[in-house]
Amino acid sequence: MKKLVAAGALFLCGILSGQKANIDSLVRALNAEKPDTSRVNTLNELSWQLKRSRPRTALAYGFDALKLAHSLGFKRGEGEACNNIGNTYDNLSVYDSALVFHNKALALYTSIGYSKGIAGSYNNIGEIYRATGKYAEALESYFLSVDIKKELNDVKGLANSYNNIGSVYNAIGDYAKGLEYQLLSLSMKETLGDPAKIGSSCQNIGQLYHQLGNDSAALRYTDRSIALYTEANDSLSLSRACSNKGTILVSLGKYSEAMQNFSRATLIAQQLGVKRELLMVYNNIVNYYSVRSQFDSALVWSQKALGIGKTLGDSGAIGLIYYNYGEIWHHKGDKAKAISYLKQARVCGLATEDARLIRESCHALAQLCEETGDYRNAMLYEAQYSELQEKEFSDNTAKQLAIQQVKFDTEKKEKEIHVLKQKQVIDRLGISSRDLIIEKRNYFIAGLAATSLLLAFSILLFWSRRKIIIRNREEKAAREAGETERVRIAKDIHDDLGSGLTRIAILSRQNEKE
């Protein structure tokens, strides 16, 4: 165990060293900055970086950023500060304060029309509703975030929202739907290449497979999440993944490996000083010893968990620990102690209005009272149990109907968007078709004009050549007529001359006779 703790300490030091260097550089930058918007941004970055590892310090930086941004009228800076403060309170499970600051961030982002911030705020508000069991409200907020992110083509934001939607379906027991959204989220995150985000989806998918009874697949995805969280230096998520792996290994009966993972998770949570995370690990260890019927060890770890619960002042966590105490003492055969702790668990449930804790405590008390012969109280506790069970059934039915209504409205909206997009495509195709017809008509007119010009030129050339031929023929005919006339005249002259000469000869001969 000592070797394991030493190795874990060295490992955690390696994880934190990179973050520390970044924090140190931001602090140095902060010391050199004037009280302007750059200082607001640095304060916000420090608050964001420390929200998990040092939440109290993160809150201090966040409130400093909020105060300075407000004095400067820097609304986006105010929104970022409120967002960081809300996220830090969320990590500390102070949900009322977290919701207040996320709503403030939403109002600030809306006032300046910052769509990405609005989408992020809706997502964060959904996270608070999910953490407090208001699943219908959570889905509504998530889907509002999704609508904006689709318009922005924000793949990273969509992956995050789909991851959260899957977690809601997991919480209400719709594991198939939860797995569908988680796998969709994982496929998007893998294209982005963010190890911590991919690890988150792998861890959630692992939990879903565990719920579905497929522990081999659950272990495979959880192992991948551990490797990715290690790569991303996300120590808090690494602690949770190790704790989840331990729980899966308990189901598989691999107790030695399970305890190694619980010890690793414990070490990281202790180093981080995140008591709530440590409380979750301790409760898993209590379950580990209870499953193995090692009730004395389970009591030791329950006592450790109770100390943390009291330090946090978390009545809900204390009530759960008292309930575990009661179950353990019941198994050990001390029914009086079991009844005492179960009564305290019921009181805590009433104080926190935790219907499930009240119901289960009443059910266990009814059984114990019956075993001890206290039938009057057994009947009273059984009646309370039945009443709460009925109420839970009614609440779950109403919750499911509300969720179905949200799903229906979302699907309706998506169909309307799809129809609108189809109409836009058809309109674009119609415009393209008209453009094509006009283009074809223009080509036809141009072709017709060119053909007409060519035809006109051909006709002109034909008539020109015809005129030349006719003129040549006429000239030839005229030359031939002139030649014929010349020959005729020459012949006439020749004939006349011949006739004259003949007369002269005759006259000459006549003269010689006289």
Protein backbone atom coordinates (compact mmCIF):
# COMPACT_ATOMS: atom_id res chain seq x y z
CA MET A 1 0.00 0.00 0.00
CA LYS A 2 2.85 2.39 0.81
CA LYS A 3 4.39 1.77 -2.61
CA LEU A 4 1.04 2.45 -4.22
CA VAL A 5 0.63 5.73 -2.33
CA ALA A 6 4.16 6.83 -3.24
CA ALA A 7 3.65 6.00 -6.90
CA GLY A 8 0.32 7.81 -6.86
CA ALA A 9 1.90 10.89 -5.31
CA LEU A 10 4.59 11.01 -7.99
CA PHE A 11 1.97 10.55 -10.68
CA LEU A 12 -0.18 13.38 -9.30
CA CYS A 13 2.82 15.69 -9.06
CA GLY A 14 3.41 15.11 -12.78
CA ILE A 15 -0.21 15.93 -13.55
CA LEU A 16 -0.20 19.14 -11.53
CA SER A 17 3.20 20.47 -12.67
CA GLY A 18 1.98 21.52 -16.13
CA GLN A 19 -1.08 23.24 -14.72
CA LYS A 20 1.02 25.00 -12.08
CA ALA A 21 3.37 26.44 -14.74
CA ASN A 22 0.39 27.84 -16.63
CA ILE A 23 -1.15 29.29 -13.47
CA ASP A 24 2.18 30.88 -12.49
CA SER A 25 2.49 32.58 -15.89
CA LEU A 26 -1.05 33.95 -15.59
CA VAL A 27 -0.34 35.28 -12.08
CA ARG A 28 2.82 37.02 -13.34
CA ALA A 29 0.82 38.56 -16.18
CA LEU A 30 -1.84 39.67 -13.70
CA ASN A 31 0.69 41.47 -11.52
CA ALA A 32 1.90 43.49 -14.53
CA GLU A 33 -1.54 44.49 -15.86
CA LYS A 34 -3.48 47.68 -15.34
CA PRO A 35 -7.13 47.57 -14.15
CA ASP A 36 -8.57 47.27 -17.66
CA THR A 37 -10.35 44.63 -19.75
CA SER A 38 -7.11 42.65 -20.18
CA ARG A 39 -6.91 42.23 -16.42
CA VAL A 40 -10.55 41.07 -16.38
CA ASN A 41 -9.72 38.43 -19.01
CA THR A 42 -6.69 37.20 -17.04
CA LEU A 43 -8.72 36.99 -13.82
CA ASN A 44 -11.40 35.03 -15.67
CA GLU A 45 -8.81 32.67 -17.14
CA LEU A 46 -7.36 32.01 -13.68
CA SER A 47 -10.85 31.38 -12.31
CA TRP A 48 -11.54 28.94 -15.15
CA GLN A 49 -8.23 27.09 -14.74
CA LEU A 50 -8.64 26.65 -10.97
CA LYS A 51 -12.36 25.83 -10.81
CA ARG A 52 -11.69 22.13 -10.17
CA SER A 53 -8.31 21.93 -8.47
CA ARG A 54 -8.62 25.02 -6.20
CA PRO A 55 -12.27 26.06 -6.20
CA ARG A 56 -12.02 28.58 -3.35
CA THR A 57 -9.20 30.42 -5.10
CA ALA A 58 -11.17 30.21 -8.35
CA LEU A 59 -14.12 31.93 -6.67
CA ALA A 60 -11.87 34.73 -5.40
CA TYR A 61 -10.52 35.38 -8.90
CA GLY A 62 -14.03 35.18 -10.33
CA PHE A 63 -15.46 37.76 -7.97
CA ASP A 64 -12.48 40.08 -8.59
CA ALA A 65 -13.12 39.78 -12.34
CA LEU A 66 -16.84 40.44 -11.85
CA LYS A 67 -16.24 43.57 -9.78
CA LEU A 68 -13.68 45.04 -12.20
CA ALA A 69 -15.72 44.19 -15.31
CA HIS A 70 -18.80 45.85 -13.79
CA SER A 71 -16.86 49.02 -13.00
CA LEU A 72 -15.57 49.11 -16.59
CA GLY A 73 -18.98 48.41 -18.13
CA PHE A 74 -17.42 45.31 -19.74
CA LYS A 75 -20.55 43.14 -19.97
CA ARG A 76 -18.98 40.20 -21.74
CA GLY A 77 -16.30 40.09 -19.04
CA GLU A 78 -19.06 40.20 -16.41
CA GLY A 79 -20.80 37.31 -18.16
CA GLU A 80 -17.59 35.24 -18.22
CA ALA A 81 -17.02 35.92 -14.52
CA CYS A 82 -20.58 34.87 -13.64
CA ASN A 83 -20.16 31.77 -15.78
CA ASN A 84 -16.93 30.79 -13.99
CA ILE A 85 -18.40 31.47 -10.55
CA GLY A 86 -21.47 29.39 -11.46
CA ASN A 87 -19.30 26.49 -12.67
CA THR A 88 -17.18 26.60 -9.50
CA TYR A 89 -20.25 26.58 -7.26
CA ASP A 90 -21.52 23.66 -9.34
CA ASN A 91 -18.29 21.75 -8.65
CA LEU A 92 -18.75 22.51 -4.94
CA SER A 93 -22.40 21.29 -5.19
CA VAL A 94 -23.69 24.71 -4.07
CA TYR A 95 -26.42 24.51 -6.67
CA ASP A 96 -28.62 27.45 -5.63
CA SER A 97 -25.71 29.88 -5.99
CA ALA A 98 -24.59 28.20 -9.20
CA LEU A 99 -28.05 28.67 -10.74
CA VAL A 100 -28.16 32.34 -9.69
CA PHE A 101 -24.85 33.13 -11.39
CA HIS A 102 -25.60 31.15 -14.55
CA ASN A 103 -28.87 33.06 -14.92
CA LYS A 104 -26.94 36.31 -14.45
CA ALA A 105 -24.51 35.23 -17.16
CA LEU A 106 -27.46 34.41 -19.46
CA ALA A 107 -28.98 37.86 -18.92
CA LEU A 108 -25.65 39.62 -19.59
CA TYR A 109 -24.96 37.62 -22.76
CA THR A 110 -28.53 38.22 -23.98
CA SER A 111 -28.17 41.99 -23.45
CA ILE A 112 -25.18 42.09 -25.85
CA GLY A 113 -26.48 39.42 -28.24
CA TYR A 114 -23.56 37.04 -27.62
CA SER A 115 -25.06 33.81 -29.03
CA LYS A 116 -22.24 31.48 -28.01
CA GLY A 117 -22.44 32.72 -24.42
CA ILE A 118 -26.24 32.34 -24.40
CA ALA A 119 -25.95 28.74 -25.62
CA GLY A 120 -23.32 28.01 -22.97
CA SER A 121 -25.47 29.48 -20.21
CA TYR A 122 -28.48 27.38 -21.22
CA ASN A 123 -26.24 24.33 -21.13
CA ASN A 124 -24.91 25.23 -17.67
CA ILE A 125 -28.41 25.90 -16.34
CA GLY A 126 -29.38 22.47 -17.64
CA GLU A 127 -26.46 21.04 -15.67
CA ILE A 128 -27.79 22.53 -12.43
CA TYR A 129 -31.29 21.19 -13.09
CA ARG A 130 -29.82 17.76 -13.84
CA ALA A 131 -27.77 17.76 -10.65
CA THR A 132 -30.87 18.65 -8.60
CA GLY A 133 -33.07 16.02 -10.26
CA LYS A 134 -35.20 18.44 -12.33
CA TYR A 135 -34.80 16.40 -15.49
CA ALA A 136 -37.60 17.91 -17.61
CA GLU A 137 -36.20 21.41 -16.98
CA ALA A 138 -32.70 20.13 -17.70
CA LEU A 139 -33.73 18.68 -21.08
CA GLU A 140 -35.55 21.90 -22.00
CA SER A 141 -32.43 23.98 -21.25
CA TYR A 142 -30.15 21.55 -23.09
CA PHE A 143 -32.32 21.57 -26.21
CA LEU A 144 -32.45 25.40 -26.19
CA SER A 145 -28.66 25.30 -26.13
CA VAL A 146 -28.58 22.74 -28.97
CA ASP A 147 -30.80 24.95 -31.20
CA ILE A 148 -28.37 27.87 -30.93
CA LYS A 149 -25.27 25.69 -31.34
CA LYS A 150 -26.68 24.18 -34.53
CA GLU A 151 -27.14 27.68 -35.95
CA LEU A 152 -23.54 28.53 -34.97
CA ASN A 153 -22.26 25.16 -36.29
CA ASP A 154 -20.58 24.78 -32.89
CA VAL A 155 -19.47 21.13 -33.06
CA LYS A 156 -17.64 21.29 -29.73
CA GLY A 157 -20.65 22.81 -27.97
CA LEU A 158 -23.04 20.31 -29.57
CA ALA A 159 -20.86 17.41 -28.42
CA ASN A 160 -21.01 18.76 -24.88
CA SER A 161 -24.80 19.21 -24.94
CA TYR A 162 -25.38 15.73 -26.40
CA ASN A 163 -23.20 14.34 -23.62
CA ASN A 164 -25.37 16.08 -21.03
CA ILE A 165 -28.63 15.00 -22.67
CA GLY A 166 -27.37 11.42 -22.58
CA SER A 167 -26.66 11.81 -18.85
CA VAL A 168 -30.26 12.92 -18.23
CA TYR A 169 -31.65 9.87 -20.03
CA ASN A 170 -29.28 7.74 -17.98
CA ALA A 171 -30.61 9.34 -14.78
CA ILE A 172 -34.25 8.59 -15.66
CA GLY A 173 -33.41 5.00 -16.59
CA ASP A 174 -33.67 5.27 -20.37
CA TYR A 175 -30.25 3.71 -20.90
CA ALA A 176 -30.71 2.99 -24.61
CA LYS A 177 -31.50 6.65 -25.31
CA GLY A 178 -28.68 7.73 -23.04
CA LEU A 179 -26.23 5.49 -24.89
CA GLU A 180 -27.45 6.88 -28.24
CA TYR A 181 -26.66 10.48 -27.23
CA GLN A 182 -23.37 9.56 -25.54
CA LEU A 183 -22.12 7.74 -28.64
CA LEU A 184 -23.20 10.72 -30.78
CA SER A 185 -21.27 13.02 -28.46
CA LEU A 186 -18.22 10.73 -28.54
CA SER A 187 -18.13 10.66 -32.35
CA MET A 188 -18.11 14.50 -32.42
CA LYS A 189 -15.47 14.77 -29.71
CA GLU A 190 -13.18 12.35 -31.54
CA THR A 191 -13.16 14.69 -34.55
CA LEU A 192 -12.10 17.54 -32.24
CA GLY A 193 -9.33 15.54 -30.55
CA ASP A 194 -9.82 16.85 -26.98
CA PRO A 195 -8.63 14.04 -24.63
CA ALA A 196 -10.52 15.30 -21.55
CA LYS A 197 -13.82 15.63 -23.44
CA ILE A 198 -13.41 12.24 -25.12
CA GLY A 199 -12.61 10.81 -21.69
CA SER A 200 -15.85 12.27 -20.29
CA SER A 201 -17.93 10.51 -22.96
CA CYS A 202 -16.01 7.25 -22.50
CA GLN A 203 -16.62 7.38 -18.74
CA ASN A 204 -20.34 8.02 -19.24
CA ILE A 205 -20.62 5.23 -21.81
CA GLY A 206 -18.83 2.94 -19.37
CA GLN A 207 -21.39 3.77 -16.67
CA LEU A 208 -24.25 3.08 -19.08
CA TYR A 209 -22.85 -0.30 -20.02
CA HIS A 210 -22.45 -1.04 -16.30
CA GLN A 211 -26.12 -0.18 -15.78
CA LEU A 212 -27.02 -2.47 -18.70
CA GLY A 213 -25.00 -5.30 -17.13
CA ASN A 214 -22.29 -5.34 -19.79
CA ASP A 215 -19.34 -4.91 -17.43
CA SER A 216 -16.70 -6.00 -19.95
CA ALA A 217 -17.70 -3.10 -22.25
CA ALA A 218 -18.02 -0.84 -19.20
CA LEU A 219 -14.46 -1.69 -18.15
CA ARG A 220 -13.11 -1.13 -21.66
CA TYR A 221 -14.56 2.37 -21.94
CA THR A 222 -13.62 3.28 -18.36
CA ASP A 223 -10.01 2.21 -18.97
CA ARG A 224 -9.96 4.43 -22.04
CA SER A 225 -11.31 7.36 -19.99
CA ILE A 226 -8.54 6.87 -17.40
CA ALA A 227 -5.87 6.96 -20.14
CA LEU A 228 -7.41 10.09 -21.67
CA TYR A 229 -7.77 11.93 -18.34
CA THR A 230 -4.14 11.12 -17.62
CA GLU A 231 -3.14 12.58 -20.99
CA ALA A 232 -5.27 15.68 -20.37
CA ASN A 233 -3.99 16.19 -16.80
CA ASP A 234 -7.61 16.28 -15.56
CA SER A 235 -6.97 15.01 -12.04
CA LEU A 236 -10.49 15.42 -10.62
CA SER A 237 -12.07 13.47 -13.48
CA LEU A 238 -9.29 10.90 -13.16
CA SER A 239 -10.23 10.35 -9.52
CA ARG A 240 -13.88 9.76 -10.47
CA ALA A 241 -12.93 7.39 -13.29
CA CYS A 242 -10.73 5.33 -10.96
CA SER A 243 -13.54 5.19 -8.41
CA ASN A 244 -16.00 4.07 -11.12
CA LYS A 245 -13.57 1.43 -12.31
CA GLY A 246 -13.33 0.11 -8.76
CA THR A 247 -17.13 -0.23 -8.62
CA ILE A 248 -17.17 -2.15 -11.91
CA LEU A 249 -14.39 -4.44 -10.70
CA VAL A 250 -16.39 -5.17 -7.53
CA SER A 251 -19.27 -6.34 -9.76
CA LEU A 252 -16.83 -8.59 -11.61
CA GLY A 253 -15.51 -9.99 -8.32
CA LYS A 254 -12.00 -8.57 -8.91
CA TYR A 255 -11.66 -7.22 -5.40
CA SER A 256 -7.90 -6.71 -5.26
CA GLU A 257 -7.89 -4.59 -8.46
CA ALA A 258 -10.98 -2.75 -7.22
CA MET A 259 -9.23 -1.67 -4.03
CA GLN A 260 -6.17 -0.52 -5.99
CA ASN A 261 -8.40 1.81 -8.01
CA PHE A 262 -10.23 3.05 -4.90
CA SER A 263 -6.85 3.80 -3.29
CA ARG A 264 -5.70 5.70 -6.35
CA ALA A 265 -8.94 7.70 -6.43
CA THR A 266 -8.61 8.44 -2.70
CA LEU A 267 -5.04 9.66 -3.08
CA ILE A 268 -5.88 12.07 -5.91
CA ALA A 269 -8.95 13.43 -4.09
CA GLN A 270 -6.88 13.97 -0.94
CA GLN A 271 -4.15 15.79 -2.88
CA LEU A 272 -6.75 18.01 -4.54
CA GLY A 273 -8.50 18.67 -1.25
CA VAL A 274 -11.90 18.04 -2.85
CA LYS A 275 -13.76 16.56 0.11
CA ARG A 276 -16.94 15.76 -1.79
CA GLU A 277 -15.00 13.64 -4.25
CA LEU A 278 -13.33 11.91 -1.31
CA LEU A 279 -16.75 11.28 0.23
CA MET A 280 -17.94 9.56 -2.97
CA VAL A 281 -14.88 7.30 -2.98
CA TYR A 282 -15.34 6.42 0.71
CA ASN A 283 -18.97 5.46 0.07
CA ASN A 284 -17.82 3.17 -2.74
CA ILE A 285 -15.29 1.59 -0.38
CA VAL A 286 -18.08 1.05 2.21
CA ASN A 287 -20.04 -0.77 -0.50
CA TYR A 288 -16.91 -2.78 -1.38
CA TYR A 289 -16.57 -4.12 2.18
CA SER A 290 -20.32 -4.64 2.55
CA VAL A 291 -20.44 -6.77 -0.62
CA ARG A 292 -17.61 -8.88 0.84
CA SER A 293 -19.46 -9.09 4.18
CA GLN A 294 -16.52 -7.42 5.92
CA PHE A 295 -18.80 -5.28 8.04
CA ASP A 296 -16.20 -4.12 10.59
CA SER A 297 -14.13 -2.57 7.78
CA ALA A 298 -17.32 -1.14 6.29
CA LEU A 299 -18.02 0.58 9.63
CA VAL A 300 -14.49 2.06 9.73
CA TRP A 301 -14.91 3.62 6.28
CA SER A 302 -18.46 4.73 7.10
CA GLN A 303 -17.02 6.61 10.07
CA LYS A 304 -14.49 8.32 7.77
CA ALA A 305 -17.27 9.23 5.34
CA LEU A 306 -19.40 10.59 8.21
CA GLY A 307 -16.55 12.86 9.32
CA ILE A 308 -16.31 14.39 5.83
CA GLY A 309 -20.10 14.69 5.58
CA LYS A 310 -20.21 16.64 8.86
CA THR A 311 -17.31 18.85 7.74
CA LEU A 312 -19.23 19.70 4.57
CA GLY A 313 -22.44 20.20 6.54
CA ASP A 314 -24.21 18.07 3.95
CA SER A 315 -27.31 16.63 5.63
CA GLY A 316 -28.13 14.58 2.56
CA ALA A 317 -24.74 12.86 2.59
CA ILE A 318 -24.92 12.36 6.36
CA GLY A 319 -28.38 10.80 6.00
CA LEU A 320 -27.07 8.35 3.41
CA ILE A 321 -24.16 7.40 5.69
CA TYR A 322 -26.57 6.83 8.61
CA TYR A 323 -28.65 4.61 6.34
CA ASN A 324 -25.53 2.59 5.47
CA TYR A 325 -24.73 2.36 9.19
CA GLY A 326 -28.21 0.98 9.83
CA GLU A 327 -27.85 -1.63 7.07
CA ILE A 328 -24.42 -2.69 8.35
CA TRP A 329 -25.60 -3.07 11.95
CA HIS A 330 -28.61 -5.01 10.68
CA HIS A 331 -26.25 -7.46 8.95
CA LYS A 332 -24.14 -7.64 12.12
CA GLY A 333 -27.27 -8.57 14.10
CA ASP A 334 -27.49 -5.48 16.32
CA LYS A 335 -31.07 -4.46 15.49
CA ALA A 336 -31.25 -1.76 18.15
CA LYS A 337 -28.30 0.14 16.67
CA ALA A 338 -29.67 -0.48 13.19
CA ILE A 339 -33.01 1.09 14.15
CA SER A 340 -31.26 4.04 15.83
CA TYR A 341 -29.18 4.90 12.75
CA LEU A 342 -32.09 4.36 10.35
CA LYS A 343 -34.20 6.78 12.39
CA GLN A 344 -31.42 9.36 12.13
CA ALA A 345 -31.28 8.74 8.37
CA ARG A 346 -35.04 9.37 8.18
CA VAL A 347 -34.67 12.64 10.11
CA CYS A 348 -31.95 13.81 7.71
CA GLY A 349 -34.20 12.87 4.81
CA LEU A 350 -37.03 14.95 6.24
CA ALA A 351 -34.67 17.90 6.77
CA THR A 352 -33.42 17.78 3.18
CA GLU A 353 -36.79 16.70 1.71
CA ASP A 354 -35.05 13.67 0.21
CA ALA A 355 -38.06 11.46 -0.54
CA ARG A 356 -35.94 8.52 -1.60
CA LEU A 357 -33.92 8.48 1.65
CA ILE A 358 -37.13 8.82 3.71
CA ARG A 359 -38.81 6.04 1.75
CA GLU A 360 -35.93 3.57 2.00
CA SER A 361 -35.39 4.34 5.69
CA CYS A 362 -39.08 3.73 6.41
CA HIS A 363 -38.99 0.47 4.48
CA ALA A 364 -35.96 -0.79 6.45
CA LEU A 365 -37.46 0.41 9.75
CA ALA A 366 -40.76 -1.37 9.01
CA GLN A 367 -38.86 -4.61 8.44
CA LEU A 368 -36.75 -4.22 11.62
CA CYS A 369 -39.74 -3.24 13.78
CA GLU A 370 -41.61 -6.31 12.57
CA GLU A 371 -38.57 -8.49 13.37
CA THR A 372 -38.39 -7.03 16.90
CA GLY A 373 -42.15 -7.41 17.48
CA ASP A 374 -42.92 -3.68 17.33
CA TYR A 375 -45.87 -4.19 14.97
CA ARG A 376 -47.49 -0.80 15.64
CA ASN A 377 -44.43 1.13 14.42
CA ALA A 378 -43.90 -1.45 11.72
CA MET A 379 -47.37 -0.62 10.32
CA LEU A 380 -46.74 3.15 10.61
CA TYR A 381 -43.42 2.94 8.79
CA GLU A 382 -44.89 0.63 6.16
CA ALA A 383 -47.76 3.09 5.59
CA GLN A 384 -45.27 5.94 5.13
CA TYR A 385 -43.23 3.79 2.78
CA SER A 386 -46.31 2.94 0.67
CA GLU A 387 -47.42 6.56 0.56
CA LEU A 388 -43.98 7.75 -0.56
CA GLN A 389 -43.71 4.95 -3.09
CA GLU A 390 -47.06 5.95 -4.57
CA LYS A 391 -46.02 9.59 -4.66
CA GLU A 392 -42.74 8.72 -6.34
CA PHE A 393 -44.64 6.73 -8.95
CA SER A 394 -46.94 9.70 -9.60
CA ASP A 395 -44.01 12.13 -9.69
CA ASN A 396 -42.08 9.88 -12.05
CA THR A 397 -45.12 9.57 -14.29
CA ALA A 398 -45.54 13.36 -14.36
CA LYS A 399 -41.81 13.77 -14.92
CA GLN A 400 -41.86 11.28 -17.80
CA LEU A 401 -44.85 13.06 -19.34
CA ALA A 402 -43.03 16.39 -19.04
CA ILE A 403 -39.92 14.89 -20.62
CA GLN A 404 -42.00 13.36 -23.41
CA GLN A 405 -43.61 16.77 -24.00
CA VAL A 406 -40.17 18.38 -24.24
CA LYS A 407 -39.07 15.64 -26.64
CA PHE A 408 -42.26 16.09 -28.68
CA ASP A 409 -41.80 19.86 -28.89
CA THR A 410 -38.15 19.40 -29.83
CA GLU A 411 -38.92 16.83 -32.51
CA LYS A 412 -41.71 19.08 -33.84
CA LYS A 413 -39.32 22.02 -33.99
CA GLU A 414 -36.69 19.89 -35.73
CA LYS A 415 -39.29 18.73 -38.29
CA GLU A 416 -40.34 22.34 -38.92
CA ILE A 417 -36.71 23.30 -39.44
CA HIS A 418 -36.28 20.30 -41.76
CA VAL A 419 -39.37 21.28 -43.79
CA LEU A 420 -38.14 24.89 -43.98
CA LYS A 421 -34.74 23.73 -45.18
CA GLN A 422 -36.40 21.50 -47.79
CA LYS A 423 -38.49 24.47 -48.98
CA GLN A 424 -35.35 26.59 -49.18
CA VAL A 425 -33.65 23.87 -51.21
CA ILE A 426 -36.70 23.60 -53.49
CA ASP A 427 -36.77 27.38 -53.88
CA ARG A 428 -33.08 27.37 -54.71
CA LEU A 429 -33.65 24.57 -57.19
CA GLY A 430 -36.58 26.52 -58.68
CA ILE A 431 -34.40 29.58 -59.07
CA SER A 432 -31.67 27.43 -60.59
CA SER A 433 -34.17 25.89 -63.02
CA ARG A 434 -35.44 29.31 -64.09
CA ASP A 435 -31.87 30.48 -64.50
CA LEU A 436 -31.15 27.41 -66.62
CA ILE A 437 -34.23 28.02 -68.80
CA ILE A 438 -33.28 31.67 -69.25
CA GLU A 439 -29.73 30.67 -70.05
CA LYS A 440 -30.93 28.09 -72.60
CA ARG A 441 -33.28 30.68 -74.15
CA ASN A 442 -30.45 33.18 -74.38
CA TYR A 443 -28.27 30.58 -76.06
CA PHE A 444 -31.12 29.77 -78.48
CA ILE A 445 -31.64 33.43 -79.33
CA ALA A 446 -27.92 33.91 -79.80
CA GLY A 447 -27.76 30.82 -81.99
CA LEU A 448 -30.79 31.94 -84.01
CA ALA A 449 -29.27 35.39 -84.50
CA ALA A 450 -25.98 33.89 -85.61
CA THR A 451 -27.80 31.53 -87.98
CA SER A 452 -29.84 34.43 -89.38
CA LEU A 453 -26.72 36.49 -89.94
CA LEU A 454 -25.02 33.57 -91.63
CA LEU A 455 -28.08 32.95 -93.82
CA ALA A 456 -28.33 36.63 -94.72
CA PHE A 457 -24.63 36.69 -95.55
CA SER A 458 -25.05 33.54 -97.66
CA ILE A 459 -28.03 35.04 -99.54
CA LEU A 460 -26.12 38.27 -100.08
CA LEU A 461 -23.12 36.36 -101.35
CA PHE A 462 -25.37 34.26 -103.59
CA TRP A 463 -27.06 37.31 -105.14
CA SER A 464 -23.75 39.06 -105.54
CA ARG A 465 -22.26 36.11 -107.37
CA ARG A 466 -25.45 35.71 -109.41
CA LYS A 467 -25.23 39.35 -110.49
CA ILE A 468 -21.64 38.84 -111.54
CA ILE A 469 -22.55 35.73 -113.53
CA ILE A 470 -25.48 37.51 -115.22
CA ARG A 471 -23.30 40.51 -115.99
CA ASN A 472 -20.62 38.24 -117.44
CA ARG A 473 -23.24 36.46 -119.52
CA GLU A 474 -24.64 39.76 -120.75
CA GLU A 475 -21.16 41.03 -121.64
CA LYS A 476 -20.39 37.78 -123.45
CA ALA A 477 -23.70 37.95 -125.29
CA ALA A 478 -22.97 41.55 -126.24
CA ARG A 479 -19.50 40.62 -127.45
CA GLU A 480 -20.88 37.74 -129.44
CA ALA A 481 -23.61 39.97 -130.94
CA GLY A 482 -21.00 42.61 -131.83
CA GLU A 483 -18.76 39.98 -133.43
CA THR A 484 -21.68 38.60 -135.46
CA GLU A 485 -22.59 42.09 -136.61
CA ARG A 486 -18.97 42.83 -137.53
CA VAL A 487 -18.77 39.62 -139.53
CA ARG A 488 -22.05 40.46 -141.22
CA ILE A 489 -20.90 43.96 -142.07
CA ALA A 490 -17.57 42.67 -143.29
CA LYS A 491 -19.36 40.12 -145.41
CA ASP A 492 -21.72 42.74 -146.79
CA ILE A 493 -18.78 44.98 -147.58
CA HIS A 494 -17.00 42.06 -149.18
CA ASP A 495 -20.08 41.16 -151.15
CA ASP A 496 -20.62 44.75 -152.19
CA LEU A 497 -16.99 45.10 -153.16
CA GLY A 498 -17.10 41.87 -155.07
CA SER A 499 -20.20 42.97 -156.88
CA GLY A 500 -18.61 46.34 -157.74
CA LEU A 501 -15.48 44.74 -159.04
CA THR A 502 -17.53 42.36 -161.13
CA ARG A 503 -19.42 45.28 -162.66
CA ILE A 504 -16.19 47.11 -163.33
CA ALA A 505 -14.77 44.04 -165.04
CA ILE A 506 -17.89 43.64 -167.11
CA LEU A 507 -17.83 47.29 -168.02
CA SER A 508 -14.16 47.08 -168.83
CA ARG A 509 -14.77 44.17 -171.09
CA GLN A 510 -17.64 46.03 -172.69
CA ASN A 511 -15.43 49.01 -173.35
CA GLU A 512 -12.82 46.93 -175.06
CA LYS A 513 -15.39 45.71 -177.60
CA GLU A 514 -16.27 49.25 -178.84
